[in-house]
């Protein structure tokens, strides 16, 4: 294991309770510019303006009086919320450090080309002899009536309340999957992002 902070992707495709395919664990190479900017803001309360998913530069702020105040990496999106948390898409353009959104995000829905977004689960941290890690998980279900192919995956963080979720929303990671995920109607895929710090 290479020391440092790493991101890993794996998952499983199911149809009902039947496992159709396991998605082999791969290392992500995907933290983008906004990740470092938000981290800097937590370290020293200063940061340049950060580009949100609408391609607008803004200074991240918390919401006074809110339980979300000063959160920089909120990813615990609710069911049906496709603007934050773990998100997926059909684009396959190469990842760059300046990416601020997925190339072609798949929207939440049951019409052609969409998938139903489950709630994001963020697991408790686990520690072993050489590392500390936690897992971010989301289930995507195809109820569109036709196949949908997933080619990219990302993590979008918020740092304000859901009432202002269209602002203060930042892509912090994006990956092109080494093997696309074809998801037939009636199937669902569980995708896991593991963030791990290794000594």
C-alpha atoms as a PDB file:
ATOM      1  CA  UNK A   1       0.000   0.000   0.000  1.00  0.00           C
ATOM      2  CA  UNK A   2       1.374   3.425  -0.950  1.00  0.00           C
ATOM      3  CA  UNK A   3       1.440   5.817   2.059  1.00  0.00           C
ATOM      4  CA  UNK A   4      -0.756   8.921   1.980  1.00  0.00           C
ATOM      5  CA  UNK A   5      -4.427   9.668   1.329  1.00  0.00           C
ATOM      6  CA  UNK A   6      -6.047   7.520  -1.347  1.00  0.00           C
ATOM      7  CA  UNK A   7      -9.473   7.024  -2.841  1.00  0.00           C
ATOM      8  CA  UNK A   8     -10.767   3.613  -3.961  1.00  0.00           C
ATOM      9  CA  UNK A   9     -13.857   2.581  -5.935  1.00  0.00           C
ATOM     10  CA  UNK A  10     -15.774  -0.696  -5.884  1.00  0.00           C
ATOM     11  CA  UNK A  11     -19.344  -1.914  -6.046  1.00  0.00           C
ATOM     12  CA  UNK A  12     -21.860  -4.554  -6.993  1.00  0.00           C
ATOM     13  CA  UNK A  13     -24.682  -4.811  -9.544  1.00  0.00           C
ATOM     14  CA  UNK A  14     -27.851  -6.616  -8.487  1.00  0.00           C
ATOM     15  CA  UNK A  15     -31.184  -7.576  -9.983  1.00  0.00           C
ATOM     16  CA  UNK A  16     -33.476  -8.061  -7.033  1.00  0.00           C
ATOM     17  CA  UNK A  17     -31.406 -10.032  -4.523  1.00  0.00           C
ATOM     18  CA  UNK A  18     -29.294 -11.693  -7.217  1.00  0.00           C
ATOM     19  CA  UNK A  19     -25.737 -10.462  -7.707  1.00  0.00           C
ATOM     20  CA  UNK A  20     -25.188  -9.857 -11.426  1.00  0.00           C
ATOM     21  CA  UNK A  21     -21.617  -8.568 -11.289  1.00  0.00           C
ATOM     22  CA  UNK A  22     -19.079  -7.384  -8.755  1.00  0.00           C
ATOM     23  CA  UNK A  23     -17.137  -4.249  -9.599  1.00  0.00           C
ATOM     24  CA  UNK A  24     -13.488  -4.875  -8.823  1.00  0.00           C
ATOM     25  CA  UNK A  25     -11.830  -2.410  -6.477  1.00  0.00           C
ATOM     26  CA  UNK A  26      -9.679   0.157  -8.257  1.00  0.00           C
ATOM     27  CA  UNK A  27      -7.694   3.160  -7.080  1.00  0.00           C
ATOM     28  CA  UNK A  28      -9.126   6.539  -7.935  1.00  0.00           C
ATOM     29  CA  UNK A  29      -6.866   9.288  -9.262  1.00  0.00           C
ATOM     30  CA  UNK A  30      -9.397  11.957  -8.888  1.00  0.00           C
ATOM     31  CA  UNK A  31      -9.107  14.651  -6.231  1.00  0.00           C
ATOM     32  CA  UNK A  32      -9.568  17.921  -8.088  1.00  0.00           C
ATOM     33  CA  UNK A  33      -8.686  21.554  -7.333  1.00  0.00           C
ATOM     34  CA  UNK A  34     -11.737  22.294  -5.163  1.00  0.00           C
ATOM     35  CA  UNK A  35     -10.751  19.516  -2.744  1.00  0.00           C
ATOM     36  CA  UNK A  36      -7.466  21.239  -1.894  1.00  0.00           C
ATOM     37  CA  UNK A  37      -9.116  24.662  -1.702  1.00  0.00           C
ATOM     38  CA  UNK A  38     -11.764  23.506   0.788  1.00  0.00           C
ATOM     39  CA  UNK A  39      -9.139  21.674   2.817  1.00  0.00           C
ATOM     40  CA  UNK A  40      -7.046  24.838   2.963  1.00  0.00           C
ATOM     41  CA  UNK A  41     -10.086  26.750   4.204  1.00  0.00           C
ATOM     42  CA  UNK A  42     -10.481  24.309   7.109  1.00  0.00           C
ATOM     43  CA  UNK A  43      -6.770  24.460   7.929  1.00  0.00           C
ATOM     44  CA  UNK A  44      -6.364  28.221   8.084  1.00  0.00           C
ATOM     45  CA  UNK A  45      -9.736  29.908   7.476  1.00  0.00           C
ATOM     46  CA  UNK A  46      -8.526  31.416   4.233  1.00  0.00           C
ATOM     47  CA  UNK A  47      -9.009  30.320   0.654  1.00  0.00           C
ATOM     48  CA  UNK A  48      -9.288  31.690  -2.855  1.00  0.00           C
ATOM     49  CA  UNK A  49     -12.726  31.741  -4.372  1.00  0.00           C
ATOM     50  CA  UNK A  50     -13.832  28.220  -5.266  1.00  0.00           C
ATOM     51  CA  UNK A  51     -15.552  27.208  -8.518  1.00  0.00           C
ATOM     52  CA  UNK A  52     -18.936  25.576  -7.920  1.00  0.00           C
ATOM     53  CA  UNK A  53     -20.699  23.049 -10.156  1.00  0.00           C
ATOM     54  CA  UNK A  54     -22.429  25.897 -12.002  1.00  0.00           C
ATOM     55  CA  UNK A  55     -18.987  27.227 -13.066  1.00  0.00           C
ATOM     56  CA  UNK A  56     -19.310  30.265 -10.790  1.00  0.00           C
ATOM     57  CA  UNK A  57     -16.555  31.427  -8.440  1.00  0.00           C
ATOM     58  CA  UNK A  58     -17.693  31.995  -4.865  1.00  0.00           C
ATOM     59  CA  UNK A  59     -16.334  32.068  -1.346  1.00  0.00           C
ATOM     60  CA  UNK A  60     -17.588  29.040   0.646  1.00  0.00           C
ATOM     61  CA  UNK A  61     -19.569  29.959   3.752  1.00  0.00           C
ATOM     62  CA  UNK A  62     -21.574  28.192   6.415  1.00  0.00           C
ATOM     63  CA  UNK A  63     -25.150  29.068   7.313  1.00  0.00           C
ATOM     64  CA  UNK A  64     -25.539  30.869  10.633  1.00  0.00           C
ATOM     65  CA  UNK A  65     -27.718  28.958  13.067  1.00  0.00           C
ATOM     66  CA  UNK A  66     -27.680  25.809  10.947  1.00  0.00           C
ATOM     67  CA  UNK A  67     -26.359  22.395  11.918  1.00  0.00           C
ATOM     68  CA  UNK A  68     -24.498  22.551   8.587  1.00  0.00           C
ATOM     69  CA  UNK A  69     -22.547  25.667   9.610  1.00  0.00           C
ATOM     70  CA  UNK A  70     -18.866  25.521   8.633  1.00  0.00           C
ATOM     71  CA  UNK A  71     -19.161  22.099   6.998  1.00  0.00           C
ATOM     72  CA  UNK A  72     -16.878  21.987   3.969  1.00  0.00           C
ATOM     73  CA  UNK A  73     -17.298  18.388   2.848  1.00  0.00           C
ATOM     74  CA  UNK A  74     -20.980  17.553   3.338  1.00  0.00           C
ATOM     75  CA  UNK A  75     -21.744  14.504   1.161  1.00  0.00           C
ATOM     76  CA  UNK A  76     -24.670  12.894   3.006  1.00  0.00           C
ATOM     77  CA  UNK A  77     -27.254  13.591   0.299  1.00  0.00           C
ATOM     78  CA  UNK A  78     -30.853  12.458   0.667  1.00  0.00           C
ATOM     79  CA  UNK A  79     -32.651  10.020  -1.619  1.00  0.00           C
ATOM     80  CA  UNK A  80     -33.455  11.644  -4.963  1.00  0.00           C
ATOM     81  CA  UNK A  81     -30.855  14.414  -4.477  1.00  0.00           C
ATOM     82  CA  UNK A  82     -28.558  14.358  -7.510  1.00  0.00           C
ATOM     83  CA  UNK A  83     -26.768  17.676  -6.938  1.00  0.00           C
ATOM     84  CA  UNK A  84     -24.587  16.519  -4.047  1.00  0.00           C
ATOM     85  CA  UNK A  85     -22.965  13.387  -2.678  1.00  0.00           C
ATOM     86  CA  UNK A  86     -21.791  10.495  -4.808  1.00  0.00           C
ATOM     87  CA  UNK A  87     -22.885  11.136  -8.414  1.00  0.00           C
ATOM     88  CA  UNK A  88     -22.530   9.299 -11.727  1.00  0.00           C
ATOM     89  CA  UNK A  89     -22.447  10.139 -15.412  1.00  0.00           C
ATOM     90  CA  UNK A  90     -22.039   8.973 -18.994  1.00  0.00           C
ATOM     91  CA  UNK A  91     -19.080  11.179 -19.962  1.00  0.00           C
ATOM     92  CA  UNK A  92     -15.633   9.763 -20.572  1.00  0.00           C
ATOM     93  CA  UNK A  93     -13.490  12.842 -21.165  1.00  0.00           C
ATOM     94  CA  UNK A  94     -10.186  12.652 -19.320  1.00  0.00           C
ATOM     95  CA  UNK A  95     -10.098  13.953 -15.758  1.00  0.00           C
ATOM     96  CA  UNK A  96      -8.244  17.238 -15.199  1.00  0.00           C
ATOM     97  CA  UNK A  97      -7.390  18.967 -11.928  1.00  0.00           C
ATOM     98  CA  UNK A  98      -9.624  21.897 -12.915  1.00  0.00           C
ATOM     99  CA  UNK A  99     -12.808  19.825 -13.443  1.00  0.00           C
ATOM    100  CA  UNK A 100     -15.745  21.390 -11.592  1.00  0.00           C
ATOM    101  CA  UNK A 101     -18.540  19.011 -12.655  1.00  0.00           C
ATOM    102  CA  UNK A 102     -19.046  15.636 -14.300  1.00  0.00           C
ATOM    103  CA  UNK A 103     -18.806  15.690 -18.096  1.00  0.00           C
ATOM    104  CA  UNK A 104     -22.370  14.359 -18.486  1.00  0.00           C
ATOM    105  CA  UNK A 105     -24.150  13.731 -15.202  1.00  0.00           C
ATOM    106  CA  UNK A 106     -27.001  11.202 -15.069  1.00  0.00           C
ATOM    107  CA  UNK A 107     -30.017  12.851 -13.439  1.00  0.00           C
ATOM    108  CA  UNK A 108     -32.280  11.328 -10.833  1.00  0.00           C
ATOM    109  CA  UNK A 109     -35.508   9.988 -12.341  1.00  0.00           C
ATOM    110  CA  UNK A 110     -37.410   7.167 -14.006  1.00  0.00           C
ATOM    111  CA  UNK A 111     -37.419   8.459 -17.579  1.00  0.00           C
ATOM    112  CA  UNK A 112     -35.056   7.386 -20.371  1.00  0.00           C
ATOM    113  CA  UNK A 113     -31.398   8.007 -19.522  1.00  0.00           C
ATOM    114  CA  UNK A 114     -31.983   8.612 -15.811  1.00  0.00           C
ATOM    115  CA  UNK A 115     -31.404   6.562 -12.664  1.00  0.00           C
ATOM    116  CA  UNK A 116     -32.952   6.746  -9.219  1.00  0.00           C
ATOM    117  CA  UNK A 117     -30.490   8.060  -6.629  1.00  0.00           C
ATOM    118  CA  UNK A 118     -30.683   6.450  -3.193  1.00  0.00           C
ATOM    119  CA  UNK A 119     -29.584   8.222  -0.018  1.00  0.00           C
ATOM    120  CA  UNK A 120     -25.849   8.533   0.553  1.00  0.00           C
ATOM    121  CA  UNK A 121     -24.504   6.576   3.526  1.00  0.00           C
ATOM    122  CA  UNK A 122     -21.242   7.689   5.120  1.00  0.00           C
ATOM    123  CA  UNK A 123     -19.757   4.939   7.248  1.00  0.00           C
ATOM    124  CA  UNK A 124     -17.959   5.350  10.550  1.00  0.00           C
ATOM    125  CA  UNK A 125     -14.165   5.454  10.324  1.00  0.00           C
ATOM    126  CA  UNK A 126     -12.250   2.192  10.715  1.00  0.00           C
ATOM    127  CA  UNK A 127      -8.672   1.959  11.945  1.00  0.00           C
ATOM    128  CA  UNK A 128      -6.158  -0.863  11.517  1.00  0.00           C
ATOM    129  CA  UNK A 129      -2.402  -1.069  12.151  1.00  0.00           C
ATOM    130  CA  UNK A 130      -1.407   1.138   9.211  1.00  0.00           C
ATOM    131  CA  UNK A 131      -4.467   3.067   8.059  1.00  0.00           C
ATOM    132  CA  UNK A 132      -7.704   4.856   8.825  1.00  0.00           C
ATOM    133  CA  UNK A 133     -10.581   4.852   6.341  1.00  0.00           C
ATOM    134  CA  UNK A 134     -14.302   5.361   5.810  1.00  0.00           C
ATOM    135  CA  UNK A 135     -16.705   4.424   3.029  1.00  0.00           C
ATOM    136  CA  UNK A 136     -19.220   6.602   1.172  1.00  0.00           C
ATOM    137  CA  UNK A 137     -21.970   4.472  -0.410  1.00  0.00           C
ATOM    138  CA  UNK A 138     -24.901   5.097  -2.736  1.00  0.00           C
ATOM    139  CA  UNK A 139     -27.327   2.832  -4.589  1.00  0.00           C
ATOM    140  CA  UNK A 140     -28.505   3.757  -8.097  1.00  0.00           C
ATOM    141  CA  UNK A 141     -31.574   1.980  -9.514  1.00  0.00           C
ATOM    142  CA  UNK A 142     -32.614   1.762 -13.148  1.00  0.00           C
ATOM    143  CA  UNK A 143     -36.352   2.195 -13.490  1.00  0.00           C
ATOM    144  CA  UNK A 144     -36.105   4.036 -16.801  1.00  0.00           C
ATOM    145  CA  UNK A 145     -37.292   1.203 -19.024  1.00  0.00           C
ATOM    146  CA  UNK A 146     -34.014   0.950 -20.953  1.00  0.00           C
ATOM    147  CA  UNK A 147     -30.288   0.331 -20.280  1.00  0.00           C
ATOM    148  CA  UNK A 148     -28.109   3.136 -18.902  1.00  0.00           C
ATOM    149  CA  UNK A 149     -24.306   2.987 -19.073  1.00  0.00           C
ATOM    150  CA  UNK A 150     -22.252   4.569 -16.284  1.00  0.00           C
ATOM    151  CA  UNK A 151     -18.795   5.775 -17.336  1.00  0.00           C
ATOM    152  CA  UNK A 152     -17.821   8.363 -14.738  1.00  0.00           C
ATOM    153  CA  UNK A 153     -18.227   8.890 -11.018  1.00  0.00           C
ATOM    154  CA  UNK A 154     -17.755  11.887  -8.774  1.00  0.00           C
ATOM    155  CA  UNK A 155     -18.133  13.275  -5.293  1.00  0.00           C
ATOM    156  CA  UNK A 156     -19.848  16.634  -4.824  1.00  0.00           C
ATOM    157  CA  UNK A 157     -19.629  18.356  -1.433  1.00  0.00           C
ATOM    158  CA  UNK A 158     -21.799  21.096   0.040  1.00  0.00           C
ATOM    159  CA  UNK A 159     -21.030  23.416   2.919  1.00  0.00           C
ATOM    160  CA  UNK A 160     -24.324  25.102   3.590  1.00  0.00           C
ATOM    161  CA  UNK A 161     -27.929  24.103   4.197  1.00  0.00           C
ATOM    162  CA  UNK A 162     -29.991  22.236   1.597  1.00  0.00           C
ATOM    163  CA  UNK A 163     -32.083  25.387   1.102  1.00  0.00           C
ATOM    164  CA  UNK A 164     -29.069  26.847  -0.719  1.00  0.00           C
ATOM    165  CA  UNK A 165     -27.807  23.606  -2.227  1.00  0.00           C
ATOM    166  CA  UNK A 166     -27.449  25.050  -5.731  1.00  0.00           C
ATOM    167  CA  UNK A 167     -24.775  27.345  -4.324  1.00  0.00           C
ATOM    168  CA  UNK A 168     -21.817  26.279  -2.185  1.00  0.00           C
ATOM    169  CA  UNK A 169     -21.704  22.933  -4.023  1.00  0.00           C
ATOM    170  CA  UNK A 170     -18.296  21.752  -5.210  1.00  0.00           C
ATOM    171  CA  UNK A 171     -16.948  18.776  -7.121  1.00  0.00           C
ATOM    172  CA  UNK A 172     -14.065  17.400  -5.054  1.00  0.00           C
ATOM    173  CA  UNK A 173     -13.363  14.153  -6.931  1.00  0.00           C
ATOM    174  CA  UNK A 174     -14.009  12.727 -10.407  1.00  0.00           C
ATOM    175  CA  UNK A 175     -12.984   9.430 -11.998  1.00  0.00           C
ATOM    176  CA  UNK A 176     -13.463   7.742 -15.330  1.00  0.00           C
ATOM    177  CA  UNK A 177     -14.278   4.125 -14.573  1.00  0.00           C
ATOM    178  CA  UNK A 178     -11.749   1.683 -16.072  1.00  0.00           C
ATOM    179  CA  UNK A 179     -14.672  -0.526 -17.082  1.00  0.00           C
ATOM    180  CA  UNK A 180     -18.062   1.000 -17.863  1.00  0.00           C
ATOM    181  CA  UNK A 181     -21.090  -0.201 -15.917  1.00  0.00           C
ATOM    182  CA  UNK A 182     -24.043  -1.171 -18.145  1.00  0.00           C
ATOM    183  CA  UNK A 183     -27.145  -1.148 -15.950  1.00  0.00           C
ATOM    184  CA  UNK A 184     -30.245  -2.804 -17.378  1.00  0.00           C
ATOM    185  CA  UNK A 185     -33.779  -1.800 -16.493  1.00  0.00           C
ATOM    186  CA  UNK A 186     -34.709  -3.325 -13.124  1.00  0.00           C
ATOM    187  CA  UNK A 187     -31.108  -3.555 -11.931  1.00  0.00           C
ATOM    188  CA  UNK A 188     -29.360  -1.476  -9.287  1.00  0.00           C
ATOM    189  CA  UNK A 189     -25.726  -0.752  -8.598  1.00  0.00           C
ATOM    190  CA  UNK A 190     -24.143  -0.022  -5.235  1.00  0.00           C
ATOM    191  CA  UNK A 191     -21.050   2.146  -5.609  1.00  0.00           C
ATOM    192  CA  UNK A 192     -18.559   2.657  -2.791  1.00  0.00           C
ATOM    193  CA  UNK A 193     -15.960   5.394  -2.494  1.00  0.00           C
ATOM    194  CA  UNK A 194     -13.394   4.519   0.185  1.00  0.00           C
ATOM    195  CA  UNK A 195     -11.199   7.353   1.432  1.00  0.00           C
ATOM    196  CA  UNK A 196      -8.153   5.941   3.178  1.00  0.00           C
ATOM    197  CA  UNK A 197      -5.151   7.463   4.920  1.00  0.00           C
ATOM    198  CA  UNK A 198      -2.174   5.114   5.155  1.00  0.00           C
ATOM    199  CA  UNK A 199       1.095   5.598   7.054  1.00  0.00           C
END
